[in-house]
C-alpha atoms as a PDB file:
ATOM      1  CA  MET A   1     -21.393 -26.488  -6.988  1.00  0.00           C
ATOM      2  CA  GLN A   2     -18.990 -28.419  -9.126  1.00  0.00           C
ATOM      3  CA  ALA A   3     -18.371 -25.524 -11.398  1.00  0.00           C
ATOM      4  CA  LEU A   4     -17.587 -23.210  -8.276  1.00  0.00           C
ATOM      5  CA  TRP A   5     -15.028 -25.812  -7.186  1.00  0.00           C
ATOM      6  CA  LYS A   6     -13.210 -25.721 -10.455  1.00  0.00           C
ATOM      7  CA  ILE A   7     -13.064 -22.063 -10.408  1.00  0.00           C
ATOM      8  CA  THR A   8     -11.823 -21.916  -6.835  1.00  0.00           C
ATOM      9  CA  ALA A   9      -9.217 -24.613  -7.609  1.00  0.00           C
ATOM     10  CA  LEU A  10      -8.251 -22.584 -10.708  1.00  0.00           C
ATOM     11  CA  PHE A  11      -7.626 -19.460  -8.879  1.00  0.00           C
ATOM     12  CA  LEU A  12      -5.492 -21.044  -6.077  1.00  0.00           C
ATOM     13  CA  THR A  13      -3.275 -22.313  -8.771  1.00  0.00           C
ATOM     14  CA  LEU A  14      -2.980 -19.111 -10.709  1.00  0.00           C
ATOM     15  CA  SER A  15      -3.157 -16.453  -8.075  1.00  0.00           C
ATOM     16  CA  PRO A  16      -1.658 -13.369  -9.086  1.00  0.00           C
ATOM     17  CA  SER A  17       2.132 -12.556  -8.537  1.00  0.00           C
ATOM     18  CA  LEU A  18       2.015  -8.564  -7.028  1.00  0.00           C
ATOM     19  CA  ALA A  19       0.310  -8.712  -4.386  1.00  0.00           C
ATOM     20  CA  GLU A  20      -2.128  -9.655  -4.160  1.00  0.00           C
ATOM     21  CA  ALA A  21      -4.083 -12.750  -4.127  1.00  0.00           C
ATOM     22  CA  GLY A  22      -6.254 -10.514  -2.187  1.00  0.00           C
ATOM     23  CA  ALA A  23      -9.666 -11.879  -1.079  1.00  0.00           C
ATOM     24  CA  TRP A  24      -8.485 -15.576  -1.249  1.00  0.00           C
ATOM     25  CA  LEU A  25      -6.346 -17.139   1.573  1.00  0.00           C
ATOM     26  CA  ARG A  26      -3.866 -19.770   1.279  1.00  0.00           C
ATOM     27  CA  GLU A  27      -4.587 -23.234   2.667  1.00  0.00           C
ATOM     28  CA  LYS A  28      -3.078 -24.228   5.933  1.00  0.00           C
ATOM     29  CA  GLY A  29       0.503 -25.466   5.417  1.00  0.00           C
ATOM     30  CA  THR A  30       0.755 -24.192   1.733  1.00  0.00           C
ATOM     31  CA  GLY A  31       2.604 -21.203   0.283  1.00  0.00           C
ATOM     32  CA  PHE A  32       3.334 -19.301  -3.066  1.00  0.00           C
ATOM     33  CA  SER A  33       6.183 -17.288  -3.991  1.00  0.00           C
ATOM     34  CA  SER A  34       6.788 -15.040  -7.109  1.00  0.00           C
ATOM     35  CA  THR A  35       9.792 -12.935  -8.475  1.00  0.00           C
ATOM     36  CA  ALA A  36       9.379 -10.597 -11.477  1.00  0.00           C
ATOM     37  CA  PHE A  37      11.776  -8.448 -13.225  1.00  0.00           C
ATOM     38  CA  THR A  38      10.783  -5.374 -15.378  1.00  0.00           C
ATOM     39  CA  ILE A  39      12.949  -3.170 -17.540  1.00  0.00           C
ATOM     40  CA  THR A  40      12.226  -0.220 -19.786  1.00  0.00           C
ATOM     41  CA  ALA A  41      13.713   1.117 -22.803  1.00  0.00           C
ATOM     42  CA  ASP A  42      15.775   3.621 -20.571  1.00  0.00           C
ATOM     43  CA  GLN A  43      16.856   0.703 -18.609  1.00  0.00           C
ATOM     44  CA  ASP A  44      14.929   1.814 -15.420  1.00  0.00           C
ATOM     45  CA  ILE A  45      14.741  -1.772 -13.664  1.00  0.00           C
ATOM     46  CA  ALA A  46      12.883  -3.237 -10.848  1.00  0.00           C
ATOM     47  CA  ASN A  47      12.767  -6.721  -9.159  1.00  0.00           C
ATOM     48  CA  THR A  48       9.891  -7.631  -6.981  1.00  0.00           C
ATOM     49  CA  THR A  49       9.599 -10.608  -4.697  1.00  0.00           C
ATOM     50  CA  TYR A  50       6.273 -11.736  -3.161  1.00  0.00           C
ATOM     51  CA  LEU A  51       5.718 -14.529  -0.614  1.00  0.00           C
ATOM     52  CA  GLU A  52       2.723 -15.779   1.173  1.00  0.00           C
ATOM     53  CA  TYR A  53       1.949 -18.729   3.694  1.00  0.00           C
ATOM     54  CA  GLY A  54      -1.126 -20.284   5.087  1.00  0.00           C
ATOM     55  CA  LEU A  55      -0.679 -20.322   8.803  1.00  0.00           C
ATOM     56  CA  ARG A  56      -4.098 -21.314   9.358  1.00  0.00           C
ATOM     57  CA  PRO A  57      -7.344 -21.722   7.531  1.00  0.00           C
ATOM     58  CA  ASN A  58      -8.238 -18.190   8.549  1.00  0.00           C
ATOM     59  CA  LEU A  59      -4.765 -16.528   8.308  1.00  0.00           C
ATOM     60  CA  THR A  60      -2.264 -16.038   5.487  1.00  0.00           C
ATOM     61  CA  LEU A  61       1.052 -14.514   6.379  1.00  0.00           C
ATOM     62  CA  GLY A  62       3.093 -12.721   3.289  1.00  0.00           C
ATOM     63  CA  ALA A  63       5.824 -10.381   2.476  1.00  0.00           C
ATOM     64  CA  ASP A  64       6.148  -7.934  -0.422  1.00  0.00           C
ATOM     65  CA  VAL A  65       9.590  -6.567  -1.557  1.00  0.00           C
ATOM     66  CA  ARG A  66      10.560  -4.260  -4.360  1.00  0.00           C
ATOM     67  CA  LEU A  67      14.067  -3.147  -5.410  1.00  0.00           C
ATOM     68  CA  GLY A  68      14.267  -0.492  -8.221  1.00  0.00           C
ATOM     69  CA  ARG A  69      17.159   1.419 -10.044  1.00  0.00           C
ATOM     70  CA  ASP A  70      16.744   4.036 -12.449  1.00  0.00           C
ATOM     71  CA  THR A  71      19.043   4.816 -15.490  1.00  0.00           C
ATOM     72  CA  PHE A  72      20.917   7.412 -13.536  1.00  0.00           C
ATOM     73  CA  GLY A  73      21.947   4.777 -10.848  1.00  0.00           C
ATOM     74  CA  SER A  74      19.417   5.962  -7.999  1.00  0.00           C
ATOM     75  CA  GLN A  75      17.808   3.239  -5.972  1.00  0.00           C
ATOM     76  CA  ASP A  76      14.631   2.914  -4.109  1.00  0.00           C
ATOM     77  CA  GLY A  77      12.348   0.145  -2.792  1.00  0.00           C
ATOM     78  CA  PHE A  78       9.948  -0.970  -0.151  1.00  0.00           C
ATOM     79  CA  ALA A  79       9.556  -4.134   1.997  1.00  0.00           C
ATOM     80  CA  THR A  80       6.327  -4.963   3.791  1.00  0.00           C
ATOM     81  CA  LEU A  81       5.217  -7.894   5.935  1.00  0.00           C
ATOM     82  CA  PHE A  82       1.500  -8.534   6.198  1.00  0.00           C
ATOM     83  CA  LEU A  83      -1.314 -10.589   7.474  1.00  0.00           C
ATOM     84  CA  ARG A  84      -4.439 -11.487   5.532  1.00  0.00           C
ATOM     85  CA  LYS A  85      -7.937 -12.566   7.067  1.00  0.00           C
ATOM     86  CA  PRO A  86     -11.259 -13.327   5.615  1.00  0.00           C
ATOM     87  CA  LEU A  87     -14.288 -11.112   6.022  1.00  0.00           C
ATOM     88  CA  SER A  88     -16.853 -13.290   4.065  1.00  0.00           C
ATOM     89  CA  ASN A  89     -18.062 -16.948   4.585  1.00  0.00           C
ATOM     90  CA  PRO A  90     -15.959 -19.243   2.730  1.00  0.00           C
ATOM     91  CA  GLU A  91     -18.993 -20.769   0.896  1.00  0.00           C
ATOM     92  CA  LYS A  92     -19.945 -17.525  -0.643  1.00  0.00           C
ATOM     93  CA  ASP A  93     -19.208 -16.807  -4.487  1.00  0.00           C
ATOM     94  CA  SER A  94     -17.842 -13.368  -3.640  1.00  0.00           C
ATOM     95  CA  LYS A  95     -14.670 -13.196  -1.351  1.00  0.00           C
ATOM     96  CA  TRP A  96     -13.814 -10.395   0.933  1.00  0.00           C
ATOM     97  CA  ALA A  97     -10.597 -10.151   3.074  1.00  0.00           C
ATOM     98  CA  TYR A  98      -8.612  -7.512   4.931  1.00  0.00           C
ATOM     99  CA  GLU A  99      -4.753  -6.982   5.201  1.00  0.00           C
ATOM    100  CA  LEU A 100      -2.716  -5.210   8.059  1.00  0.00           C
ATOM    101  CA  GLY A 101       0.934  -4.845   7.339  1.00  0.00           C
ATOM    102  CA  PHE A 102       4.148  -2.946   8.303  1.00  0.00           C
ATOM    103  CA  GLY A 103       7.653  -2.301   6.787  1.00  0.00           C
ATOM    104  CA  ALA A 104       9.660   0.340   5.382  1.00  0.00           C
ATOM    105  CA  THR A 105      10.288   2.235   2.122  1.00  0.00           C
ATOM    106  CA  TRP A 106      13.909   3.643   1.242  1.00  0.00           C
ATOM    107  CA  ASP A 107      15.820   5.570  -1.553  1.00  0.00           C
ATOM    108  CA  ASP A 108      19.575   6.384  -1.753  1.00  0.00           C
ATOM    109  CA  THR A 109      19.665   8.406   1.309  1.00  0.00           C
ATOM    110  CA  LEU A 110      16.529   7.801   3.517  1.00  0.00           C
ATOM    111  CA  VAL A 111      14.655   4.789   5.177  1.00  0.00           C
ATOM    112  CA  GLU A 112      10.905   5.587   6.500  1.00  0.00           C
ATOM    113  CA  PRO A 113       8.786   3.149   8.219  1.00  0.00           C
ATOM    114  CA  HIS A 114       5.400   2.639   7.135  1.00  0.00           C
ATOM    115  CA  VAL A 115       2.232   0.813   8.044  1.00  0.00           C
ATOM    116  CA  LYS A 116      -0.356  -0.559   5.645  1.00  0.00           C
ATOM    117  CA  ALA A 117      -3.938  -1.549   5.341  1.00  0.00           C
ATOM    118  CA  GLY A 118      -5.789  -3.313   2.547  1.00  0.00           C
ATOM    119  CA  LEU A 119      -9.311  -4.613   1.441  1.00  0.00           C
ATOM    120  CA  SER A 120      -9.898  -6.823  -1.283  1.00  0.00           C
ATOM    121  CA  TRP A 121     -12.840  -8.519  -3.382  1.00  0.00           C
ATOM    122  CA  GLY A 122     -12.677 -11.426  -5.674  1.00  0.00           C
ATOM    123  CA  ARG A 123     -14.692 -14.179  -7.291  1.00  0.00           C
ATOM    124  CA  GLY A 124     -14.396 -16.762  -9.711  1.00  0.00           C
ATOM    125  CA  ILE A 125     -15.895 -16.408 -13.326  1.00  0.00           C
ATOM    126  CA  GLN A 126     -16.963 -18.725 -16.254  1.00  0.00           C
ATOM    127  CA  TRP A 127     -16.813 -17.752 -19.886  1.00  0.00           C
ATOM    128  CA  GLY A 128     -18.141 -20.756 -21.931  1.00  0.00           C
ATOM    129  CA  ASP A 129     -15.930 -23.805 -20.972  1.00  0.00           C
ATOM    130  CA  ARG A 130     -13.194 -21.555 -19.603  1.00  0.00           C
ATOM    131  CA  TYR A 131     -12.701 -20.595 -15.955  1.00  0.00           C
ATOM    132  CA  GLY A 132     -10.907 -17.672 -14.418  1.00  0.00           C
ATOM    133  CA  TRP A 133     -11.454 -14.729 -11.624  1.00  0.00           C
ATOM    134  CA  MET A 134     -11.640 -11.299 -11.259  1.00  0.00           C
ATOM    135  CA  SER A 135     -10.508  -9.058  -8.083  1.00  0.00           C
ATOM    136  CA  VAL A 136     -10.141  -5.691  -6.811  1.00  0.00           C
ATOM    137  CA  ASP A 137      -7.568  -4.961  -4.244  1.00  0.00           C
ATOM    138  CA  SER A 138      -7.176  -1.653  -2.560  1.00  0.00           C
ATOM    139  CA  SER A 139      -4.674  -0.520   0.046  1.00  0.00           C
ATOM    140  CA  LEU A 140      -3.409   2.374   1.854  1.00  0.00           C
ATOM    141  CA  ARG A 141       0.203   2.835   3.002  1.00  0.00           C
ATOM    142  CA  TRP A 142       0.940   5.692   5.304  1.00  0.00           C
ATOM    143  CA  ASP A 143       4.817   6.696   6.148  1.00  0.00           C
ATOM    144  CA  ILE A 144       5.112   7.196   9.791  1.00  0.00           C
ATOM    145  CA  THR A 145       7.884   9.612   9.616  1.00  0.00           C
ATOM    146  CA  THR A 146       6.582  12.039   6.884  1.00  0.00           C
ATOM    147  CA  SER A 147       2.781  11.242   7.012  1.00  0.00           C
ATOM    148  CA  ARG A 148       2.855  10.794   3.416  1.00  0.00           C
ATOM    149  CA  SER A 149       0.500   8.315   2.007  1.00  0.00           C
ATOM    150  CA  THR A 150       0.076   5.983  -0.937  1.00  0.00           C
ATOM    151  CA  THR A 151      -3.106   4.645  -2.094  1.00  0.00           C
ATOM    152  CA  LYS A 152      -3.685   1.994  -4.592  1.00  0.00           C
ATOM    153  CA  ILE A 153      -6.445   0.258  -6.338  1.00  0.00           C
ATOM    154  CA  ASP A 154      -5.312  -2.734  -8.415  1.00  0.00           C
ATOM    155  CA  SER A 155      -8.017  -4.466 -10.607  1.00  0.00           C
ATOM    156  CA  THR A 156      -7.379  -7.929 -12.150  1.00  0.00           C
ATOM    157  CA  ILE A 157      -9.133 -10.243 -14.593  1.00  0.00           C
ATOM    158  CA  GLY A 158      -7.658 -13.809 -15.434  1.00  0.00           C
ATOM    159  CA  LEU A 159      -8.917 -16.508 -17.931  1.00  0.00           C
ATOM    160  CA  GLY A 160      -7.527 -20.060 -18.462  1.00  0.00           C
ATOM    161  CA  PHE A 161      -7.250 -20.314 -22.413  1.00  0.00           C
ATOM    162  CA  THR A 162      -5.567 -23.829 -22.162  1.00  0.00           C
ATOM    163  CA  GLU A 163      -4.506 -26.314 -19.599  1.00  0.00           C
ATOM    164  CA  VAL A 164      -0.948 -24.791 -19.811  1.00  0.00           C
ATOM    165  CA  THR A 165      -1.785 -20.995 -20.673  1.00  0.00           C
ATOM    166  CA  THR A 166      -3.781 -18.408 -18.848  1.00  0.00           C
ATOM    167  CA  GLY A 167      -4.340 -14.544 -19.959  1.00  0.00           C
ATOM    168  CA  MET A 168      -4.364 -11.938 -17.199  1.00  0.00           C
ATOM    169  CA  LEU A 169      -4.960  -8.327 -17.545  1.00  0.00           C
ATOM    170  CA  GLN A 170      -4.403  -5.815 -14.739  1.00  0.00           C
ATOM    171  CA  LEU A 171      -5.100  -2.047 -14.145  1.00  0.00           C
ATOM    172  CA  TYR A 172      -2.947  -0.327 -11.404  1.00  0.00           C
ATOM    173  CA  LEU A 173      -4.282   3.063 -10.043  1.00  0.00           C
ATOM    174  CA  THR A 174      -1.992   4.846  -7.675  1.00  0.00           C
ATOM    175  CA  ASP A 175      -2.039   8.052  -5.802  1.00  0.00           C
ATOM    176  CA  PHE A 176       1.015   9.053  -3.972  1.00  0.00           C
ATOM    177  CA  ASP A 177       0.841  12.140  -1.698  1.00  0.00           C
ATOM    178  CA  GLY A 178      -1.737  13.883  -4.340  1.00  0.00           C
ATOM    179  CA  THR A 179      -0.090  12.920  -7.576  1.00  0.00           C
ATOM    180  CA  SER A 180      -2.026  10.202  -9.435  1.00  0.00           C
ATOM    181  CA  SER A 181      -0.982   7.596 -12.137  1.00  0.00           C
ATOM    182  CA  ALA A 182      -2.456   4.506 -14.204  1.00  0.00           C
ATOM    183  CA  SER A 183      -0.923   1.661 -15.830  1.00  0.00           C
ATOM    184  CA  LEU A 184      -2.112  -1.150 -17.789  1.00  0.00           C
ATOM    185  CA  ALA A 185      -0.418  -4.580 -17.563  1.00  0.00           C
ATOM    186  CA  PRO A 186      -1.262  -7.551 -19.662  1.00  0.00           C
ATOM    187  CA  SER A 187       0.420 -10.688 -19.245  1.00  0.00           C
ATOM    188  CA  LEU A 188       0.476 -14.434 -20.306  1.00  0.00           C
ATOM    189  CA  ILE A 189       1.086 -17.186 -17.636  1.00  0.00           C
ATOM    190  CA  LEU A 190       2.608 -20.632 -18.950  1.00  0.00           C
ATOM    191  CA  GLN A 191       2.829 -23.591 -16.896  1.00  0.00           C
ATOM    192  CA  PRO A 192       4.738 -26.593 -18.311  1.00  0.00           C
ATOM    193  CA  ARG A 193       2.736 -29.709 -17.771  1.00  0.00           C
ATOM    194  CA  GLY A 194       3.526 -31.608 -14.559  1.00  0.00           C
ATOM    195  CA  LYS A 195       5.565 -28.828 -13.091  1.00  0.00           C
ATOM    196  CA  LYS A 196       4.764 -26.669  -9.778  1.00  0.00           C
ATOM    197  CA  PHE A 197       6.284 -23.556 -11.295  1.00  0.00           C
ATOM    198  CA  ARG A 198       4.694 -20.896 -13.829  1.00  0.00           C
ATOM    199  CA  VAL A 199       6.530 -18.413 -16.358  1.00  0.00           C
ATOM    200  CA  GLN A 200       4.830 -14.865 -16.451  1.00  0.00           C
ATOM    201  CA  VAL A 201       5.554 -12.926 -19.600  1.00  0.00           C
ATOM    202  CA  GLY A 202       4.155  -9.361 -19.969  1.00  0.00           C
ATOM    203  CA  ALA A 203       4.220  -5.917 -19.826  1.00  0.00           C
ATOM    204  CA  GLU A 204       3.264  -2.709 -17.712  1.00  0.00           C
ATOM    205  CA  ALA A 205       2.341   0.401 -19.611  1.00  0.00           C
ATOM    206  CA  PRO A 206       1.706   3.838 -17.991  1.00  0.00           C
ATOM    207  CA  LEU A 207      -1.544   5.216 -19.694  1.00  0.00           C
ATOM    208  CA  ASP A 208       0.006   8.976 -19.458  1.00  0.00           C
ATOM    209  CA  ASP A 209       3.433   7.856 -20.997  1.00  0.00           C
ATOM    210  CA  THR A 210       3.347   4.549 -23.123  1.00  0.00           C
ATOM    211  CA  ASP A 211       6.904   5.405 -23.991  1.00  0.00           C
ATOM    212  CA  ASP A 212       7.891   4.229 -20.587  1.00  0.00           C
ATOM    213  CA  THR A 213       6.456   0.683 -20.969  1.00  0.00           C
ATOM    214  CA  ALA A 214       8.398  -2.097 -19.127  1.00  0.00           C
ATOM    215  CA  LEU A 215       8.602  -5.678 -20.314  1.00  0.00           C
ATOM    216  CA  LYS A 216       8.217  -8.170 -17.482  1.00  0.00           C
ATOM    217  CA  LEU A 217       9.165 -11.401 -16.848  1.00  0.00           C
ATOM    218  CA  GLY A 218       8.317 -13.495 -13.708  1.00  0.00           C
ATOM    219  CA  LEU A 219       8.534 -16.918 -12.088  1.00  0.00           C
ATOM    220  CA  TRP A 220       5.784 -18.345  -9.830  1.00  0.00           C
ATOM    221  CA  ARG A 221       6.112 -21.233  -7.702  1.00  0.00           C
ATOM    222  CA  ASP A 222       3.717 -23.024  -5.143  1.00  0.00           C
ATOM    223  CA  PHE A 223       5.102 -24.987  -2.071  1.00  0.00           C
END
């Protein structure tokens, strides 16, 4: 039981920045924010902001926003507001939760409203004297105007190396209106001693075109 509490505490401290703390809920009155910046060799850039707040012990509210611009100057993005509620007993090792949300996607000329539903699973893990977590977050986003859909399955495994460094490896699987893609995203999370913020340094590599790999720099903060 003591090990389980250590794993849970570690995850709440190191919950992922893209969306996706998934099966875990925030404690009432606490929150988390992250901002990440990515850039490719072709100077395609993107900025993502993620927020979540524990409104009640069994209800977390959040927002997920992305702004992008490619090398030709075209812009796109999305913003989604969501709520997360548990599906599993808080005492269980494996956590389940669902999300419901709404928002909009846009590009240079078009804004389209959307709705979103998600299902997540996660649990703490132990490897020797190191603790971490693993999770799978799935979601379906449906554009109300065009009826186009985006399906995502994001898998994450994280492990604390030291008190100040944590490794994280993520696999993103996406299907947009029948077109599929996959990306691998390794990251290193650094937490200065005594500070409430963490720095994420990593990369996102499309498996079908590694030349389009993006470098990532992020800042996470608890409040």
